[in-house]
Amino acid sequence: MSGPSHPPCRLLAVAEGPCLCEFTAEILQPHGYEVDIARDGEAAWRKLQTRPYNLLLIENDLPGLDGVELLKKLRSAAMPLPVVMVIDFLPSWQSVEYPWLLKATKLFKPYSFEDLLGLLKKMVPTEMKYG
C-alpha cells in the first residue's frame, strides 16, 4: 500500500482568475495539499457550507462578494477556519472598519511559491486531518 496514511490537508482557493487557482492547486498537490477552487465569494461560501476545509486561501478582489465580505460572513457564522488573504495592499482604514481582517494572515503580492508553501506549512501542516 502506497501513499500517505492520512487524508491530505484540504484548502479552498478563491480567485477570479483561473490561472491563479489552477497554478496554486498544481503546485500544492505534490506537497500533500488537496485544493478545491472557487471563482467568486458566493461560490466559496457555498463550498464552505458543504465540505470541511483546513484553510481558506482567498484574494480580496473578487466579483460580487469580495474577500473581505466573505471573511466577515465566515466570522459572523463563527467558523474558526484559518484564512490567508492575498492582497496588493491593505488600506489602514480597512483594519479599523473590519476588525476580523486583523486576524487573517496576509500574503502580499507579488509572492513566490516558496512564500506560499512556507506560510501554509506553518499554519496547517499536511499531517493535519480535515474536520
N, C-alpha and C. Protein backbone atom coordinates (compact mmCIF):
# COMPACT_ATOMS: atom_id res chain seq x y z
N MET A 1 0.85 -1.18 0.00
CA MET A 1 0.00 0.00 0.00
C MET A 1 0.89 1.23 0.00
N SER A 2 0.67 2.13 -0.94
CA SER A 2 1.49 3.33 -1.02
C SER A 2 0.66 4.56 -0.73
N GLY A 3 1.35 5.70 -0.55
CA GLY A 3 0.66 6.95 -0.30
C GLY A 3 0.54 7.22 1.18
N PRO A 4 0.12 8.42 1.52
CA PRO A 4 0.02 8.78 2.92
C PRO A 4 -1.11 8.03 3.61
N SER A 5 -0.93 7.78 4.90
CA SER A 5 -1.96 7.07 5.67
C SER A 5 -2.99 8.04 6.22
N HIS A 6 -2.82 9.30 5.98
CA HIS A 6 -3.76 10.31 6.47
C HIS A 6 -4.32 11.07 5.27
N PRO A 7 -5.51 11.62 5.40
CA PRO A 7 -6.05 12.42 4.30
C PRO A 7 -5.22 13.68 4.11
N PRO A 8 -5.21 14.22 2.91
CA PRO A 8 -4.45 15.45 2.69
C PRO A 8 -5.10 16.62 3.40
N CYS A 9 -4.33 17.66 3.57
CA CYS A 9 -4.86 18.91 4.09
C CYS A 9 -5.70 19.52 2.98
N ARG A 10 -6.92 19.92 3.28
CA ARG A 10 -7.82 20.43 2.26
C ARG A 10 -7.92 21.95 2.34
N LEU A 11 -7.60 22.61 1.22
CA LEU A 11 -7.67 24.07 1.12
C LEU A 11 -8.75 24.45 0.12
N LEU A 12 -9.32 25.61 0.35
CA LEU A 12 -10.20 26.21 -0.65
C LEU A 12 -9.50 27.47 -1.15
N ALA A 13 -9.17 27.49 -2.43
CA ALA A 13 -8.52 28.64 -3.06
C ALA A 13 -9.59 29.42 -3.82
N VAL A 14 -9.67 30.73 -3.56
CA VAL A 14 -10.69 31.57 -4.17
C VAL A 14 -10.01 32.73 -4.89
N ALA A 15 -10.16 32.73 -6.21
CA ALA A 15 -9.59 33.82 -7.03
C ALA A 15 -10.41 33.92 -8.30
N GLU A 16 -10.54 35.13 -8.81
CA GLU A 16 -11.31 35.33 -10.03
C GLU A 16 -10.62 34.72 -11.24
N GLY A 17 -9.32 34.88 -11.31
CA GLY A 17 -8.57 34.39 -12.46
C GLY A 17 -8.32 32.90 -12.39
N PRO A 18 -8.62 32.17 -13.47
CA PRO A 18 -8.44 30.73 -13.44
C PRO A 18 -6.99 30.30 -13.28
N CYS A 19 -6.07 31.07 -13.81
CA CYS A 19 -4.66 30.67 -13.74
C CYS A 19 -4.17 30.56 -12.31
N LEU A 20 -4.53 31.53 -11.47
CA LEU A 20 -4.05 31.51 -10.09
C LEU A 20 -4.55 30.27 -9.36
N CYS A 21 -5.81 29.94 -9.50
CA CYS A 21 -6.36 28.78 -8.80
C CYS A 21 -5.74 27.48 -9.30
N GLU A 22 -5.70 27.29 -10.61
CA GLU A 22 -5.13 26.06 -11.15
C GLU A 22 -3.65 25.93 -10.82
N PHE A 23 -2.92 27.04 -10.92
CA PHE A 23 -1.50 27.02 -10.60
C PHE A 23 -1.30 26.68 -9.13
N THR A 24 -2.08 27.28 -8.26
CA THR A 24 -1.97 27.01 -6.83
C THR A 24 -2.24 25.54 -6.55
N ALA A 25 -3.30 25.00 -7.13
CA ALA A 25 -3.63 23.58 -6.94
C ALA A 25 -2.51 22.70 -7.45
N GLU A 26 -2.01 23.00 -8.62
CA GLU A 26 -0.96 22.19 -9.24
C GLU A 26 0.32 22.16 -8.42
N ILE A 27 0.71 23.30 -7.87
CA ILE A 27 1.97 23.32 -7.13
C ILE A 27 1.84 22.80 -5.70
N LEU A 28 0.64 22.87 -5.13
CA LEU A 28 0.48 22.42 -3.74
C LEU A 28 0.16 20.93 -3.61
N GLN A 29 -0.47 20.34 -4.60
CA GLN A 29 -0.85 18.92 -4.50
C GLN A 29 0.32 17.99 -4.22
N PRO A 30 1.46 18.14 -4.88
CA PRO A 30 2.58 17.24 -4.58
C PRO A 30 3.12 17.40 -3.15
N HIS A 31 2.74 18.48 -2.48
CA HIS A 31 3.20 18.72 -1.11
C HIS A 31 2.17 18.29 -0.07
N GLY A 32 1.16 17.53 -0.49
CA GLY A 32 0.19 16.96 0.43
C GLY A 32 -1.06 17.79 0.66
N TYR A 33 -1.30 18.76 -0.20
CA TYR A 33 -2.49 19.60 -0.06
C TYR A 33 -3.50 19.25 -1.15
N GLU A 34 -4.74 19.10 -0.74
CA GLU A 34 -5.84 18.94 -1.70
C GLU A 34 -6.47 20.32 -1.85
N VAL A 35 -6.59 20.80 -3.07
CA VAL A 35 -7.06 22.16 -3.30
C VAL A 35 -8.35 22.16 -4.10
N ASP A 36 -9.41 22.70 -3.50
CA ASP A 36 -10.65 22.96 -4.21
C ASP A 36 -10.60 24.41 -4.68
N ILE A 37 -11.37 24.72 -5.71
CA ILE A 37 -11.32 26.03 -6.34
C ILE A 37 -12.71 26.66 -6.37
N ALA A 38 -12.75 27.96 -6.11
CA ALA A 38 -13.97 28.75 -6.30
C ALA A 38 -13.56 30.03 -7.03
N ARG A 39 -14.42 30.51 -7.91
CA ARG A 39 -14.10 31.69 -8.73
C ARG A 39 -14.64 33.01 -8.16
N ASP A 40 -15.50 32.92 -7.14
CA ASP A 40 -16.01 34.14 -6.52
C ASP A 40 -16.42 33.82 -5.09
N GLY A 41 -16.73 34.88 -4.35
CA GLY A 41 -17.06 34.72 -2.94
C GLY A 41 -18.32 33.91 -2.68
N GLU A 42 -19.33 34.06 -3.52
CA GLU A 42 -20.57 33.29 -3.33
C GLU A 42 -20.33 31.80 -3.54
N ALA A 43 -19.58 31.44 -4.57
CA ALA A 43 -19.26 30.03 -4.81
C ALA A 43 -18.43 29.47 -3.65
N ALA A 44 -17.52 30.27 -3.14
CA ALA A 44 -16.71 29.84 -2.00
C ALA A 44 -17.59 29.60 -0.77
N TRP A 45 -18.53 30.51 -0.52
CA TRP A 45 -19.42 30.37 0.63
C TRP A 45 -20.23 29.07 0.53
N ARG A 46 -20.72 28.77 -0.67
CA ARG A 46 -21.48 27.52 -0.86
C ARG A 46 -20.60 26.31 -0.55
N LYS A 47 -19.36 26.33 -1.03
CA LYS A 47 -18.45 25.20 -0.77
C LYS A 47 -18.13 25.08 0.71
N LEU A 48 -17.97 26.20 1.38
CA LEU A 48 -17.67 26.18 2.81
C LEU A 48 -18.83 25.59 3.62
N GLN A 49 -20.03 25.65 3.07
CA GLN A 49 -21.20 25.08 3.74
C GLN A 49 -21.30 23.57 3.57
N THR A 50 -20.63 23.04 2.55
CA THR A 50 -20.83 21.62 2.22
C THR A 50 -19.62 20.72 2.45
N ARG A 51 -18.43 21.29 2.57
CA ARG A 51 -17.23 20.47 2.76
C ARG A 51 -16.37 21.06 3.86
N PRO A 52 -15.68 20.20 4.60
CA PRO A 52 -14.74 20.72 5.61
C PRO A 52 -13.41 21.10 4.96
N TYR A 53 -12.84 22.20 5.41
CA TYR A 53 -11.55 22.66 4.92
C TYR A 53 -10.65 22.97 6.10
N ASN A 54 -9.34 22.89 5.85
CA ASN A 54 -8.36 23.26 6.86
C ASN A 54 -7.94 24.72 6.75
N LEU A 55 -8.13 25.31 5.56
CA LEU A 55 -7.68 26.68 5.35
C LEU A 55 -8.37 27.28 4.14
N LEU A 56 -8.61 28.58 4.21
CA LEU A 56 -9.17 29.33 3.10
C LEU A 56 -8.09 30.26 2.58
N LEU A 57 -7.75 30.13 1.30
CA LEU A 57 -6.79 30.99 0.62
C LEU A 57 -7.59 31.84 -0.34
N ILE A 58 -7.65 33.15 -0.09
CA ILE A 58 -8.59 33.98 -0.83
C ILE A 58 -7.97 35.30 -1.26
N GLU A 59 -8.27 35.69 -2.50
CA GLU A 59 -7.91 37.02 -2.96
C GLU A 59 -9.03 37.97 -2.53
N ASN A 60 -8.68 39.22 -2.28
CA ASN A 60 -9.72 40.17 -1.88
C ASN A 60 -10.54 40.64 -3.07
N ASP A 61 -9.91 40.84 -4.21
CA ASP A 61 -10.61 41.37 -5.38
C ASP A 61 -11.37 40.26 -6.09
N LEU A 62 -12.64 40.12 -5.73
CA LEU A 62 -13.50 39.11 -6.33
C LEU A 62 -14.78 39.78 -6.81
N PRO A 63 -15.40 39.23 -7.85
CA PRO A 63 -16.69 39.78 -8.27
C PRO A 63 -17.77 39.45 -7.23
N GLY A 64 -18.73 40.33 -7.09
CA GLY A 64 -19.82 40.08 -6.15
C GLY A 64 -19.32 40.18 -4.71
N LEU A 65 -19.40 39.09 -4.00
CA LEU A 65 -18.96 39.01 -2.60
C LEU A 65 -17.43 38.98 -2.59
N ASP A 66 -16.80 40.10 -2.19
CA ASP A 66 -15.34 40.15 -2.22
C ASP A 66 -14.74 39.41 -1.02
N GLY A 67 -13.41 39.34 -0.99
CA GLY A 67 -12.73 38.59 0.05
C GLY A 67 -12.99 39.09 1.45
N VAL A 68 -13.02 40.41 1.64
CA VAL A 68 -13.28 40.98 2.96
C VAL A 68 -14.69 40.63 3.42
N GLU A 69 -15.67 40.73 2.53
CA GLU A 69 -17.05 40.41 2.90
C GLU A 69 -17.22 38.90 3.15
N LEU A 70 -16.51 38.07 2.38
CA LEU A 70 -16.56 36.62 2.63
C LEU A 70 -15.98 36.31 4.00
N LEU A 71 -14.88 36.95 4.33
CA LEU A 71 -14.27 36.75 5.65
C LEU A 71 -15.22 37.20 6.75
N LYS A 72 -15.91 38.33 6.55
CA LYS A 72 -16.88 38.81 7.54
C LYS A 72 -18.00 37.77 7.71
N LYS A 73 -18.48 37.23 6.62
CA LYS A 73 -19.55 36.22 6.66
C LYS A 73 -19.08 34.96 7.39
N LEU A 74 -17.85 34.57 7.13
CA LEU A 74 -17.25 33.40 7.77
C LEU A 74 -17.19 33.59 9.29
N ARG A 75 -16.71 34.75 9.71
CA ARG A 75 -16.57 35.03 11.15
C ARG A 75 -17.93 35.24 11.80
N SER A 76 -18.87 35.82 11.08
CA SER A 76 -20.22 36.00 11.63
C SER A 76 -20.90 34.66 11.87
N ALA A 77 -20.53 33.66 11.08
CA ALA A 77 -21.07 32.31 11.24
C ALA A 77 -20.26 31.50 12.25
N ALA A 78 -19.32 32.16 12.94
CA ALA A 78 -18.48 31.52 13.96
C ALA A 78 -17.67 30.36 13.41
N MET A 79 -17.24 30.47 12.16
CA MET A 79 -16.39 29.45 11.55
C MET A 79 -14.93 29.84 11.82
N PRO A 80 -14.20 29.02 12.60
CA PRO A 80 -12.84 29.40 13.01
C PRO A 80 -11.76 29.04 11.98
N LEU A 81 -12.13 28.82 10.78
CA LEU A 81 -11.20 28.41 9.72
C LEU A 81 -10.06 29.41 9.55
N PRO A 82 -8.80 28.94 9.54
CA PRO A 82 -7.69 29.86 9.26
C PRO A 82 -7.82 30.42 7.84
N VAL A 83 -7.46 31.69 7.68
CA VAL A 83 -7.61 32.37 6.40
C VAL A 83 -6.30 33.05 6.02
N VAL A 84 -5.92 32.88 4.74
CA VAL A 84 -4.83 33.64 4.16
C VAL A 84 -5.47 34.55 3.11
N MET A 85 -5.34 35.86 3.32
CA MET A 85 -5.89 36.84 2.39
C MET A 85 -4.75 37.32 1.50
N VAL A 86 -4.89 37.09 0.20
CA VAL A 86 -3.90 37.53 -0.78
C VAL A 86 -4.30 38.92 -1.26
N ILE A 87 -3.42 39.90 -1.02
CA ILE A 87 -3.77 41.29 -1.33
C ILE A 87 -2.60 42.04 -1.94
N ASP A 88 -2.95 43.10 -2.68
CA ASP A 88 -1.93 44.00 -3.21
C ASP A 88 -1.46 44.96 -2.12
N PHE A 89 -2.40 45.51 -1.38
CA PHE A 89 -2.11 46.42 -0.28
C PHE A 89 -3.32 46.42 0.64
N LEU A 90 -3.15 46.92 1.84
CA LEU A 90 -4.23 46.97 2.81
C LEU A 90 -4.33 48.38 3.36
N PRO A 91 -5.33 49.14 2.91
CA PRO A 91 -5.51 50.49 3.46
C PRO A 91 -5.75 50.42 4.97
N SER A 92 -5.17 51.33 5.71
CA SER A 92 -5.29 51.31 7.17
C SER A 92 -6.74 51.41 7.63
N TRP A 93 -7.58 52.11 6.88
CA TRP A 93 -8.99 52.23 7.28
C TRP A 93 -9.70 50.89 7.28
N GLN A 94 -9.25 49.94 6.42
CA GLN A 94 -9.90 48.64 6.40
C GLN A 94 -9.66 47.88 7.70
N SER A 95 -8.47 48.01 8.27
CA SER A 95 -8.18 47.34 9.53
C SER A 95 -9.05 47.87 10.66
N VAL A 96 -9.35 49.16 10.62
CA VAL A 96 -10.20 49.76 11.65
C VAL A 96 -11.66 49.40 11.41
N GLU A 97 -12.11 49.51 10.16
CA GLU A 97 -13.51 49.25 9.83
C GLU A 97 -13.85 47.76 9.87
N TYR A 98 -12.87 46.91 9.58
CA TYR A 98 -13.10 45.46 9.53
C TYR A 98 -12.16 44.75 10.50
N PRO A 99 -12.47 44.74 11.80
CA PRO A 99 -11.54 44.17 12.79
C PRO A 99 -11.24 42.69 12.59
N TRP A 100 -12.17 41.92 12.02
CA TRP A 100 -11.92 40.50 11.79
C TRP A 100 -10.80 40.30 10.76
N LEU A 101 -10.54 41.31 9.96
CA LEU A 101 -9.47 41.23 8.97
C LEU A 101 -8.10 41.17 9.64
N LEU A 102 -7.98 41.74 10.83
CA LEU A 102 -6.71 41.74 11.54
C LEU A 102 -6.23 40.33 11.87
N LYS A 103 -7.18 39.41 12.09
CA LYS A 103 -6.81 38.05 12.46
C LYS A 103 -6.48 37.18 11.26
N ALA A 104 -6.79 37.63 10.08
CA ALA A 104 -6.44 36.86 8.88
C ALA A 104 -4.96 37.08 8.58
N THR A 105 -4.31 36.04 8.12
CA THR A 105 -2.93 36.15 7.69
C THR A 105 -2.92 36.80 6.31
N LYS A 106 -2.07 37.79 6.12
CA LYS A 106 -2.00 38.47 4.83
C LYS A 106 -0.79 37.99 4.06
N LEU A 107 -0.99 37.77 2.77
CA LEU A 107 0.09 37.42 1.85
C LEU A 107 0.06 38.49 0.77
N PHE A 108 1.09 39.32 0.75
CA PHE A 108 1.11 40.45 -0.18
C PHE A 108 1.69 40.04 -1.53
N LYS A 109 1.06 40.54 -2.59
CA LYS A 109 1.54 40.32 -3.95
C LYS A 109 2.70 41.27 -4.20
N PRO A 110 3.64 40.90 -4.99
CA PRO A 110 3.86 39.57 -5.54
C PRO A 110 4.48 38.66 -4.49
N TYR A 111 4.17 37.40 -4.55
CA TYR A 111 4.74 36.42 -3.63
C TYR A 111 5.25 35.24 -4.44
N SER A 112 6.15 34.49 -3.85
CA SER A 112 6.71 33.33 -4.53
C SER A 112 6.02 32.06 -4.03
N PHE A 113 6.20 30.99 -4.77
CA PHE A 113 5.67 29.70 -4.35
C PHE A 113 6.26 29.32 -2.99
N GLU A 114 7.54 29.61 -2.78
CA GLU A 114 8.18 29.30 -1.50
C GLU A 114 7.54 30.07 -0.36
N ASP A 115 7.18 31.34 -0.62
CA ASP A 115 6.49 32.14 0.39
C ASP A 115 5.16 31.48 0.77
N LEU A 116 4.39 31.10 -0.23
CA LEU A 116 3.08 30.49 0.00
C LEU A 116 3.22 29.16 0.72
N LEU A 117 4.09 28.30 0.23
CA LEU A 117 4.25 26.98 0.84
C LEU A 117 4.76 27.09 2.27
N GLY A 118 5.71 27.97 2.52
CA GLY A 118 6.23 28.15 3.88
C GLY A 118 5.14 28.62 4.83
N LEU A 119 4.33 29.55 4.38
CA LEU A 119 3.23 30.06 5.18
C LEU A 119 2.22 28.95 5.48
N LEU A 120 1.85 28.19 4.47
CA LEU A 120 0.88 27.11 4.67
C LEU A 120 1.41 26.05 5.62
N LYS A 121 2.68 25.70 5.50
CA LYS A 121 3.26 24.68 6.39
C LYS A 121 3.23 25.14 7.84
N LYS A 122 3.42 26.44 8.07
CA LYS A 122 3.34 26.97 9.44
C LYS A 122 1.91 26.96 9.96
N MET A 123 0.98 27.30 9.09
CA MET A 123 -0.42 27.43 9.51
C MET A 123 -1.14 26.10 9.63
N VAL A 124 -0.95 25.23 8.65
CA VAL A 124 -1.69 23.97 8.59
C VAL A 124 -0.76 22.90 8.03
N PRO A 125 -0.08 22.15 8.88
CA PRO A 125 0.80 21.09 8.37
C PRO A 125 -0.01 20.07 7.58
N THR A 126 0.62 19.44 6.59
CA THR A 126 -0.09 18.46 5.77
C THR A 126 -0.54 17.26 6.59
N GLU A 127 0.05 17.06 7.76
CA GLU A 127 -0.37 15.94 8.61
C GLU A 127 -1.70 16.20 9.29
N MET A 128 -2.16 17.45 9.27
CA MET A 128 -3.42 17.79 9.92
C MET A 128 -4.59 17.25 9.13
N LYS A 129 -5.45 16.52 9.78
CA LYS A 129 -6.61 15.96 9.09
C LYS A 129 -7.71 17.00 9.02
N TYR A 130 -8.50 16.93 7.95
CA TYR A 130 -9.59 17.89 7.85
C TYR A 130 -10.74 17.44 8.71
N GLY A 131 -11.47 18.46 9.16
CA GLY A 131 -12.54 18.28 10.15
C GLY A 131 -13.77 17.90 9.51
